[in-house]
Amino acid sequence: NTNLTNIPQKMVDYWKHFKGVQLNTSIDATGARD
């Protein structure tokens, strides 16, 4: 579960070793309401 404001490349590089990655992106609204 991520708010998508911070995505370190180190973390992304680890992902290739695993079966798969699901990102539940916490987005409740767009623009100013977000």
PDB file of all heavy atoms in Angstrom:
ATOM      1  N   ASN A   1       0.877  -1.168   0.000  1.00  0.00           N
ATOM      2  CA  ASN A   1       0.000   0.000   0.000  1.00  0.00           C
ATOM      3  C   ASN A   1       0.912   1.214   0.000  1.00  0.00           C
ATOM      4  O   ASN A   1       1.706   1.378   0.936  1.00  0.00           O
ATOM      5  CB  ASN A   1      -0.895   0.025   1.237  1.00  0.00           C
ATOM      6  CG  ASN A   1      -2.286  -0.470   0.962  1.00  0.00           C
ATOM      7  OD1 ASN A   1      -2.485  -1.313   0.097  1.00  0.00           O
ATOM      8  ND2 ASN A   1      -3.248   0.046   1.689  1.00  0.00           N
ATOM      9  N   THR A   2       0.814   2.052  -1.002  1.00  0.00           N
ATOM     10  CA  THR A   2       1.707   3.206  -1.074  1.00  0.00           C
ATOM     11  C   THR A   2       0.952   4.448  -1.516  1.00  0.00           C
ATOM     12  O   THR A   2       0.011   4.373  -2.314  1.00  0.00           O
ATOM     13  CB  THR A   2       2.881   2.943  -2.042  1.00  0.00           C
ATOM     14  OG1 THR A   2       3.652   4.147  -2.192  1.00  0.00           O
ATOM     15  CG2 THR A   2       2.391   2.494  -3.412  1.00  0.00           C
ATOM     16  N   ASN A   3       1.395   5.593  -1.007  1.00  0.00           N
ATOM     17  CA  ASN A   3       0.778   6.857  -1.398  1.00  0.00           C
ATOM     18  C   ASN A   3       1.404   7.441  -2.660  1.00  0.00           C
ATOM     19  O   ASN A   3       1.012   8.534  -3.104  1.00  0.00           O
ATOM     20  CB  ASN A   3       0.821   7.865  -0.240  1.00  0.00           C
ATOM     21  CG  ASN A   3       2.240   8.192   0.221  1.00  0.00           C
ATOM     22  OD1 ASN A   3       3.163   8.326  -0.563  1.00  0.00           O
ATOM     23  ND2 ASN A   3       2.414   8.337   1.537  1.00  0.00           N
ATOM     24  N   LEU A   4       2.395   6.744  -3.220  1.00  0.00           N
ATOM     25  CA  LEU A   4       3.011   7.090  -4.508  1.00  0.00           C
ATOM     26  C   LEU A   4       3.801   8.395  -4.495  1.00  0.00           C
ATOM     27  O   LEU A   4       4.149   8.908  -5.554  1.00  0.00           O
ATOM     28  CB  LEU A   4       1.960   7.162  -5.621  1.00  0.00           C
ATOM     29  CG  LEU A   4       1.482   5.829  -6.204  1.00  0.00           C
ATOM     30  CD1 LEU A   4       0.492   6.088  -7.343  1.00  0.00           C
ATOM     31  CD2 LEU A   4       2.643   4.996  -6.729  1.00  0.00           C
ATOM     32  N   THR A   5       4.122   8.909  -3.328  1.00  0.00           N
ATOM     33  CA  THR A   5       4.913  10.135  -3.291  1.00  0.00           C
ATOM     34  C   THR A   5       6.409   9.853  -3.231  1.00  0.00           C
ATOM     35  O   THR A   5       7.220  10.754  -3.435  1.00  0.00           O
ATOM     36  CB  THR A   5       4.528  10.993  -2.072  1.00  0.00           C
ATOM     37  OG1 THR A   5       4.762  10.233  -0.877  1.00  0.00           O
ATOM     38  CG2 THR A   5       3.070  11.421  -2.142  1.00  0.00           C
ATOM     39  N   ASN A   6       6.773   8.599  -2.954  1.00  0.00           N
ATOM     40  CA  ASN A   6       8.189   8.246  -2.756  1.00  0.00           C
ATOM     41  C   ASN A   6       8.431   6.840  -3.296  1.00  0.00           C
ATOM     42  O   ASN A   6       7.950   5.864  -2.719  1.00  0.00           O
ATOM     43  CB  ASN A   6       8.527   8.297  -1.259  1.00  0.00           C
ATOM     44  CG  ASN A   6       9.935   7.819  -0.971  1.00  0.00           C
ATOM     45  OD1 ASN A   6      10.903   8.475  -1.346  1.00  0.00           O
ATOM     46  ND2 ASN A   6      10.054   6.673  -0.310  1.00  0.00           N
ATOM     47  N   ILE A   7       9.166   6.724  -4.400  1.00  0.00           N
ATOM     48  CA  ILE A   7       9.450   5.418  -4.997  1.00  0.00           C
ATOM     49  C   ILE A   7      10.962   5.274  -5.185  1.00  0.00           C
ATOM     50  O   ILE A   7      11.529   5.648  -6.225  1.00  0.00           O
ATOM     51  CB  ILE A   7       8.730   5.251  -6.356  1.00  0.00           C
ATOM     52  CG1 ILE A   7       7.234   5.512  -6.217  1.00  0.00           C
ATOM     53  CG2 ILE A   7       8.974   3.848  -6.911  1.00  0.00           C
ATOM     54  CD1 ILE A   7       6.500   4.521  -5.330  1.00  0.00           C
ATOM     55  N   PRO A   8      11.700   4.735  -4.188  1.00  0.00           N
ATOM     56  CA  PRO A   8      13.154   4.601  -4.300  1.00  0.00           C
ATOM     57  C   PRO A   8      13.540   3.593  -5.386  1.00  0.00           C
ATOM     58  O   PRO A   8      12.944   2.513  -5.470  1.00  0.00           O
ATOM     59  CB  PRO A   8      13.571   4.094  -2.914  1.00  0.00           C
ATOM     60  CG  PRO A   8      12.396   4.320  -2.027  1.00  0.00           C
ATOM     61  CD  PRO A   8      11.193   4.264  -2.885  1.00  0.00           C
ATOM     62  N   GLN A   9      14.536   3.903  -6.167  1.00  0.00           N
ATOM     63  CA  GLN A   9      14.984   3.002  -7.217  1.00  0.00           C
ATOM     64  C   GLN A   9      15.537   1.706  -6.622  1.00  0.00           C
ATOM     65  O   GLN A   9      15.404   0.628  -7.217  1.00  0.00           O
ATOM     66  CB  GLN A   9      16.061   3.680  -8.082  1.00  0.00           C
ATOM     67  CG  GLN A   9      16.474   2.877  -9.300  1.00  0.00           C
ATOM     68  CD  GLN A   9      15.316   2.549 -10.225  1.00  0.00           C
ATOM     69  OE1 GLN A   9      14.500   3.419 -10.531  1.00  0.00           O
ATOM     70  NE2 GLN A   9      15.209   1.300 -10.656  1.00  0.00           N
ATOM     71  N   LYS A  10      16.160   1.789  -5.433  1.00  0.00           N
ATOM     72  CA  LYS A  10      16.676   0.585  -4.766  1.00  0.00           C
ATOM     73  C   LYS A  10      15.560  -0.431  -4.558  1.00  0.00           C
ATOM     74  O   LYS A  10      15.746  -1.636  -4.786  1.00  0.00           O
ATOM     75  CB  LYS A  10      17.315   0.959  -3.429  1.00  0.00           C
ATOM     76  CG  LYS A  10      17.855  -0.236  -2.649  1.00  0.00           C
ATOM     77  CD  LYS A  10      18.506   0.207  -1.345  1.00  0.00           C
ATOM     78  CE  LYS A  10      19.052  -0.992  -0.571  1.00  0.00           C
ATOM     79  NZ  LYS A  10      19.724  -0.585   0.694  1.00  0.00           N
ATOM     80  N   MET A  11      14.410   0.031  -4.128  1.00  0.00           N
ATOM     81  CA  MET A  11      13.275  -0.855  -3.887  1.00  0.00           C
ATOM     82  C   MET A  11      12.797  -1.478  -5.198  1.00  0.00           C
ATOM     83  O   MET A  11      12.539  -2.686  -5.278  1.00  0.00           O
ATOM     84  CB  MET A  11      12.141  -0.063  -3.234  1.00  0.00           C
ATOM     85  CG  MET A  11      10.904  -0.868  -2.890  1.00  0.00           C
ATOM     86  SD  MET A  11       9.630   0.176  -2.124  1.00  0.00           S
ATOM     87  CE  MET A  11       9.169   1.184  -3.548  1.00  0.00           C
ATOM     88  N   VAL A  12      12.699  -0.664  -6.244  1.00  0.00           N
ATOM     89  CA  VAL A  12      12.267  -1.153  -7.554  1.00  0.00           C
ATOM     90  C   VAL A  12      13.233  -2.218  -8.069  1.00  0.00           C
ATOM     91  O   VAL A  12      12.819  -3.219  -8.658  1.00  0.00           O
ATOM     92  CB  VAL A  12      12.151   0.018  -8.554  1.00  0.00           C
ATOM     93  CG1 VAL A  12      11.810  -0.492  -9.954  1.00  0.00           C
ATOM     94  CG2 VAL A  12      11.091   1.016  -8.082  1.00  0.00           C
ATOM     95  N   ASP A  13      14.529  -2.037  -7.824  1.00  0.00           N
ATOM     96  CA  ASP A  13      15.528  -3.007  -8.278  1.00  0.00           C
ATOM     97  C   ASP A  13      15.366  -4.361  -7.580  1.00  0.00           C
ATOM     98  O   ASP A  13      15.629  -5.412  -8.178  1.00  0.00           O
ATOM     99  CB  ASP A  13      16.939  -2.463  -8.024  1.00  0.00           C
ATOM    100  CG  ASP A  13      17.285  -1.284  -8.931  1.00  0.00           C
ATOM    101  OD1 ASP A  13      16.622  -1.119  -9.978  1.00  0.00           O
ATOM    102  OD2 ASP A  13      18.204  -0.514  -8.572  1.00  0.00           O
ATOM    103  N   TYR A  14      14.944  -4.359  -6.326  1.00  0.00           N
ATOM    104  CA  TYR A  14      14.707  -5.614  -5.605  1.00  0.00           C
ATOM    105  C   TYR A  14      13.532  -6.392  -6.197  1.00  0.00           C
ATOM    106  O   TYR A  14      13.506  -7.616  -6.168  1.00  0.00           O
ATOM    107  CB  TYR A  14      14.409  -5.329  -4.127  1.00  0.00           C
ATOM    108  CG  TYR A  14      15.609  -5.377  -3.210  1.00  0.00           C
ATOM    109  CD1 TYR A  14      16.213  -4.209  -2.761  1.00  0.00           C
ATOM    110  CD2 TYR A  14      16.131  -6.591  -2.771  1.00  0.00           C
ATOM    111  CE1 TYR A  14      17.308  -4.236  -1.907  1.00  0.00           C
ATOM    112  CE2 TYR A  14      17.222  -6.644  -1.918  1.00  0.00           C
ATOM    113  CZ  TYR A  14      17.806  -5.459  -1.488  1.00  0.00           C
ATOM    114  OH  TYR A  14      18.886  -5.512  -0.645  1.00  0.00           O
ATOM    115  N   TRP A  15      12.561  -5.692  -6.714  1.00  0.00           N
ATOM    116  CA  TRP A  15      11.321  -6.330  -7.152  1.00  0.00           C
ATOM    117  C   TRP A  15      11.530  -7.403  -8.218  1.00  0.00           C
ATOM    118  O   TRP A  15      10.787  -8.380  -8.285  1.00  0.00           O
ATOM    119  CB  TRP A  15      10.349  -5.278  -7.680  1.00  0.00           C
ATOM    120  CG  TRP A  15       9.805  -4.372  -6.618  1.00  0.00           C
ATOM    121  CD1 TRP A  15       9.929  -4.522  -5.263  1.00  0.00           C
ATOM    122  CD2 TRP A  15       9.062  -3.167  -6.814  1.00  0.00           C
ATOM    123  NE1 TRP A  15       9.310  -3.484  -4.605  1.00  0.00           N
ATOM    124  CE2 TRP A  15       8.761  -2.645  -5.531  1.00  0.00           C
ATOM    125  CE3 TRP A  15       8.607  -2.479  -7.939  1.00  0.00           C
ATOM    126  CZ2 TRP A  15       8.034  -1.468  -5.378  1.00  0.00           C
ATOM    127  CZ3 TRP A  15       7.880  -1.311  -7.781  1.00  0.00           C
ATOM    128  CH2 TRP A  15       7.602  -0.815  -6.503  1.00  0.00           C
ATOM    129  N   LYS A  16      12.550  -7.253  -9.043  1.00  0.00           N
ATOM    130  CA  LYS A  16      12.764  -8.196 -10.151  1.00  0.00           C
ATOM    131  C   LYS A  16      13.095  -9.606  -9.649  1.00  0.00           C
ATOM    132  O   LYS A  16      12.998 -10.578 -10.405  1.00  0.00           O
ATOM    133  CB  LYS A  16      13.873  -7.696 -11.062  1.00  0.00           C
ATOM    134  CG  LYS A  16      15.239  -7.605 -10.398  1.00  0.00           C
ATOM    135  CD  LYS A  16      16.259  -6.944 -11.314  1.00  0.00           C
ATOM    136  CE  LYS A  16      17.611  -6.771 -10.614  1.00  0.00           C
ATOM    137  NZ  LYS A  16      18.578  -6.035 -11.453  1.00  0.00           N
ATOM    138  N   HIS A  17      13.480  -9.728  -8.378  1.00  0.00           N
ATOM    139  CA  HIS A  17      13.825 -11.038  -7.814  1.00  0.00           C
ATOM    140  C   HIS A  17      12.598 -11.825  -7.350  1.00  0.00           C
ATOM    141  O   HIS A  17      12.711 -13.016  -7.047  1.00  0.00           O
ATOM    142  CB  HIS A  17      14.787 -10.868  -6.634  1.00  0.00           C
ATOM    143  CG  HIS A  17      16.105 -10.269  -6.998  1.00  0.00           C
ATOM    144  ND1 HIS A  17      17.097 -10.987  -7.632  1.00  0.00           N
ATOM    145  CD2 HIS A  17      16.581  -8.999  -6.848  1.00  0.00           C
ATOM    146  CE1 HIS A  17      18.145 -10.201  -7.833  1.00  0.00           C
ATOM    147  NE2 HIS A  17      17.866  -8.996  -7.366  1.00  0.00           N
ATOM    148  N   PHE A  18      11.451 -11.161  -7.295  1.00  0.00           N
ATOM    149  CA  PHE A  18      10.265 -11.795  -6.713  1.00  0.00           C
ATOM    150  C   PHE A  18       9.269 -12.227  -7.786  1.00  0.00           C
ATOM    151  O   PHE A  18       9.355 -11.834  -8.949  1.00  0.00           O
ATOM    152  CB  PHE A  18       9.616 -10.838  -5.710  1.00  0.00           C
ATOM    153  CG  PHE A  18      10.411 -10.706  -4.437  1.00  0.00           C
ATOM    154  CD1 PHE A  18      11.508  -9.850  -4.368  1.00  0.00           C
ATOM    155  CD2 PHE A  18      10.106 -11.477  -3.327  1.00  0.00           C
ATOM    156  CE1 PHE A  18      12.269  -9.752  -3.215  1.00  0.00           C
ATOM    157  CE2 PHE A  18      10.855 -11.387  -2.165  1.00  0.00           C
ATOM    158  CZ  PHE A  18      11.937 -10.523  -2.108  1.00  0.00           C
ATOM    159  N   LYS A  19       8.336 -13.050  -7.362  1.00  0.00           N
ATOM    160  CA  LYS A  19       7.344 -13.615  -8.280  1.00  0.00           C
ATOM    161  C   LYS A  19       6.539 -12.531  -8.976  1.00  0.00           C
ATOM    162  O   LYS A  19       6.187 -12.654 -10.149  1.00  0.00           O
ATOM    163  CB  LYS A  19       6.411 -14.543  -7.490  1.00  0.00           C
ATOM    164  CG  LYS A  19       5.358 -15.237  -8.337  1.00  0.00           C
ATOM    165  CD  LYS A  19       4.515 -16.162  -7.468  1.00  0.00           C
ATOM    166  CE  LYS A  19       3.458 -16.882  -8.293  1.00  0.00           C
ATOM    167  NZ  LYS A  19       2.648 -17.807  -7.448  1.00  0.00           N
ATOM    168  N   GLY A  20       6.251 -11.487  -8.274  1.00  0.00           N
ATOM    169  CA  GLY A  20       5.498 -10.375  -8.827  1.00  0.00           C
ATOM    170  C   GLY A  20       5.283  -9.324  -7.767  1.00  0.00           C
ATOM    171  O   GLY A  20       5.520  -9.558  -6.577  1.00  0.00           O
ATOM    172  N   VAL A  21       4.842  -8.155  -8.192  1.00  0.00           N
ATOM    173  CA  VAL A  21       4.610  -7.045  -7.269  1.00  0.00           C
ATOM    174  C   VAL A  21       3.251  -6.429  -7.579  1.00  0.00           C
ATOM    175  O   VAL A  21       2.945  -6.117  -8.730  1.00  0.00           O
ATOM    176  CB  VAL A  21       5.701  -5.958  -7.408  1.00  0.00           C
ATOM    177  CG1 VAL A  21       5.402  -4.782  -6.484  1.00  0.00           C
ATOM    178  CG2 VAL A  21       7.072  -6.536  -7.112  1.00  0.00           C
ATOM    179  N   GLN A  22       2.443  -6.296  -6.535  1.00  0.00           N
ATOM    180  CA  GLN A  22       1.172  -5.591  -6.667  1.00  0.00           C
ATOM    181  C   GLN A  22       1.244  -4.312  -5.853  1.00  0.00           C
ATOM    182  O   GLN A  22       1.574  -4.334  -4.670  1.00  0.00           O
ATOM    183  CB  GLN A  22      -0.004  -6.438  -6.182  1.00  0.00           C
ATOM    184  CG  GLN A  22      -1.345  -5.705  -6.227  1.00  0.00           C
ATOM    185  CD  GLN A  22      -2.518  -6.574  -5.830  1.00  0.00           C
ATOM    186  OE1 GLN A  22      -2.563  -7.762  -6.160  1.00  0.00           O
ATOM    187  NE2 GLN A  22      -3.493  -5.996  -5.135  1.00  0.00           N
ATOM    188  N   LEU A  23       0.954  -3.204  -6.488  1.00  0.00           N
ATOM    189  CA  LEU A  23       0.941  -1.922  -5.807  1.00  0.00           C
ATOM    190  C   LEU A  23      -0.502  -1.470  -5.625  1.00  0.00           C
ATOM    191  O   LEU A  23      -1.213  -1.216  -6.604  1.00  0.00           O
ATOM    192  CB  LEU A  23       1.705  -0.867  -6.616  1.00  0.00           C
ATOM    193  CG  LEU A  23       3.197  -1.103  -6.818  1.00  0.00           C
ATOM    194  CD1 LEU A  23       3.796   0.027  -7.640  1.00  0.00           C
ATOM    195  CD2 LEU A  23       3.918  -1.228  -5.486  1.00  0.00           C
ATOM    196  N   ASN A  24      -0.925  -1.396  -4.382  1.00  0.00           N
ATOM    197  CA  ASN A  24      -2.226  -0.823  -4.063  1.00  0.00           C
ATOM    198  C   ASN A  24      -1.996   0.662  -3.836  1.00  0.00           C
ATOM    199  O   ASN A  24      -1.493   1.072  -2.789  1.00  0.00           O
ATOM    200  CB  ASN A  24      -2.824  -1.479  -2.826  1.00  0.00           C
ATOM    201  CG  ASN A  24      -3.072  -2.960  -3.020  1.00  0.00           C
ATOM    202  OD1 ASN A  24      -3.196  -3.434  -4.140  1.00  0.00           O
ATOM    203  ND2 ASN A  24      -3.130  -3.694  -1.926  1.00  0.00           N
ATOM    204  N   THR A  25      -2.309   1.452  -4.831  1.00  0.00           N
ATOM    205  CA  THR A  25      -1.998   2.878  -4.779  1.00  0.00           C
ATOM    206  C   THR A  25      -3.123   3.637  -4.095  1.00  0.00           C
ATOM    207  O   THR A  25      -4.268   3.597  -4.518  1.00  0.00           O
ATOM    208  CB  THR A  25      -1.766   3.423  -6.198  1.00  0.00           C
ATOM    209  OG1 THR A  25      -2.935   3.195  -6.987  1.00  0.00           O
ATOM    210  CG2 THR A  25      -0.594   2.711  -6.846  1.00  0.00           C
ATOM    211  N   SER A  26      -2.770   4.327  -3.028  1.00  0.00           N
ATOM    212  CA  SER A  26      -3.760   5.038  -2.213  1.00  0.00           C
ATOM    213  C   SER A  26      -4.063   6.397  -2.837  1.00  0.00           C
ATOM    214  O   SER A  26      -3.374   7.393  -2.580  1.00  0.00           O
ATOM    215  CB  SER A  26      -3.245   5.215  -0.785  1.00  0.00           C
ATOM    216  OG  SER A  26      -3.031   3.956  -0.179  1.00  0.00           O
ATOM    217  N   ILE A  27      -5.077   6.421  -3.667  1.00  0.00           N
ATOM    218  CA  ILE A  27      -5.500   7.659  -4.329  1.00  0.00           C
ATOM    219  C   ILE A  27      -7.001   7.815  -4.102  1.00  0.00           C
ATOM    220  O   ILE A  27      -7.786   6.978  -4.531  1.00  0.00           O
ATOM    221  CB  ILE A  27      -5.189   7.628  -5.840  1.00  0.00           C
ATOM    222  CG1 ILE A  27      -3.680   7.443  -6.071  1.00  0.00           C
ATOM    223  CG2 ILE A  27      -5.679   8.899  -6.516  1.00  0.00           C
ATOM    224  CD1 ILE A  27      -3.297   7.317  -7.540  1.00  0.00           C
ATOM    225  N   ASP A  28      -7.379   8.880  -3.436  1.00  0.00           N
ATOM    226  CA  ASP A  28      -8.781   9.093  -3.081  1.00  0.00           C
ATOM    227  C   ASP A  28      -9.441  10.185  -3.908  1.00  0.00           C
ATOM    228  O   ASP A  28     -10.669  10.305  -3.920  1.00  0.00           O
ATOM    229  CB  ASP A  28      -8.904   9.467  -1.602  1.00  0.00           C
ATOM    230  CG  ASP A  28      -8.226   8.456  -0.700  1.00  0.00           C
ATOM    231  OD1 ASP A  28      -8.249   7.266  -1.043  1.00  0.00           O
ATOM    232  OD2 ASP A  28      -7.668   8.858   0.339  1.00  0.00           O
ATOM    233  N   ALA A  29      -8.621  10.998  -4.568  1.00  0.00           N
ATOM    234  CA  ALA A  29      -9.147  12.119  -5.343  1.00  0.00           C
ATOM    235  C   ALA A  29      -8.012  12.639  -6.227  1.00  0.00           C
ATOM    236  O   ALA A  29      -6.876  12.159  -6.146  1.00  0.00           O
ATOM    237  CB  ALA A  29      -9.657  13.227  -4.424  1.00  0.00           C
ATOM    238  N   THR A  30      -8.321  13.607  -7.052  1.00  0.00           N
ATOM    239  CA  THR A  30      -7.311  14.196  -7.927  1.00  0.00           C
ATOM    240  C   THR A  30      -7.074  15.652  -7.536  1.00  0.00           C
ATOM    241  O   THR A  30      -7.884  16.273  -6.840  1.00  0.00           O
ATOM    242  CB  THR A  30      -7.759  14.138  -9.398  1.00  0.00           C
ATOM    243  OG1 THR A  30      -8.987  14.865  -9.544  1.00  0.00           O
ATOM    244  CG2 THR A  30      -7.969  12.703  -9.842  1.00  0.00           C
ATOM    245  N   GLY A  31      -5.934  16.194  -7.997  1.00  0.00           N
ATOM    246  CA  GLY A  31      -5.655  17.615  -7.840  1.00  0.00           C
ATOM    247  C   GLY A  31      -5.667  18.101  -6.405  1.00  0.00           C
ATOM    248  O   GLY A  31      -5.122  17.483  -5.494  1.00  0.00           O
ATOM    249  N   ALA A  32      -6.327  19.239  -6.183  1.00  0.00           N
ATOM    250  CA  ALA A  32      -6.338  19.892  -4.868  1.00  0.00           C
ATOM    251  C   ALA A  32      -7.025  19.039  -3.806  1.00  0.00           C
ATOM    252  O   ALA A  32      -6.639  19.058  -2.629  1.00  0.00           O
ATOM    253  CB  ALA A  32      -7.023  21.255  -4.970  1.00  0.00           C
ATOM    254  N   ARG A  33      -8.036  18.252  -4.207  1.00  0.00           N
ATOM    255  CA  ARG A  33      -8.734  17.416  -3.226  1.00  0.00           C
ATOM    256  C   ARG A  33      -7.810  16.303  -2.726  1.00  0.00           C
ATOM    257  O   ARG A  33      -7.884  15.901  -1.563  1.00  0.00           O
ATOM    258  CB  ARG A  33     -10.014  16.843  -3.815  1.00  0.00           C
ATOM    259  CG  ARG A  33     -10.978  16.299  -2.768  1.00  0.00           C
ATOM    260  CD  ARG A  33     -12.248  15.748  -3.384  1.00  0.00           C
ATOM    261  NE  ARG A  33     -13.095  16.747  -4.008  1.00  0.00           N
ATOM    262  CZ  ARG A  33     -14.282  17.124  -3.568  1.00  0.00           C
ATOM    263  NH1 ARG A  33     -14.781  16.562  -2.467  1.00  0.00           N
ATOM    264  NH2 ARG A  33     -14.985  18.030  -4.221  1.00  0.00           N
ATOM    265  N   ASP A  34      -6.954  15.792  -3.598  1.00  0.00           N
ATOM    266  CA  ASP A  34      -5.961  14.793  -3.175  1.00  0.00           C
ATOM    267  C   ASP A  34      -5.062  15.366  -2.085  1.00  0.00           C
ATOM    268  O   ASP A  34      -4.846  14.742  -1.044  1.00  0.00           O
ATOM    269  CB  ASP A  34      -5.121  14.356  -4.377  1.00  0.00           C
ATOM    270  CG  ASP A  34      -3.840  13.647  -3.969  1.00  0.00           C
ATOM    271  OD1 ASP A  34      -3.912  12.492  -3.510  1.00  0.00           O
ATOM    272  OD2 ASP A  34      -2.750  14.259  -4.108  1.00  0.00           O
TER     273      ASP A  34
END
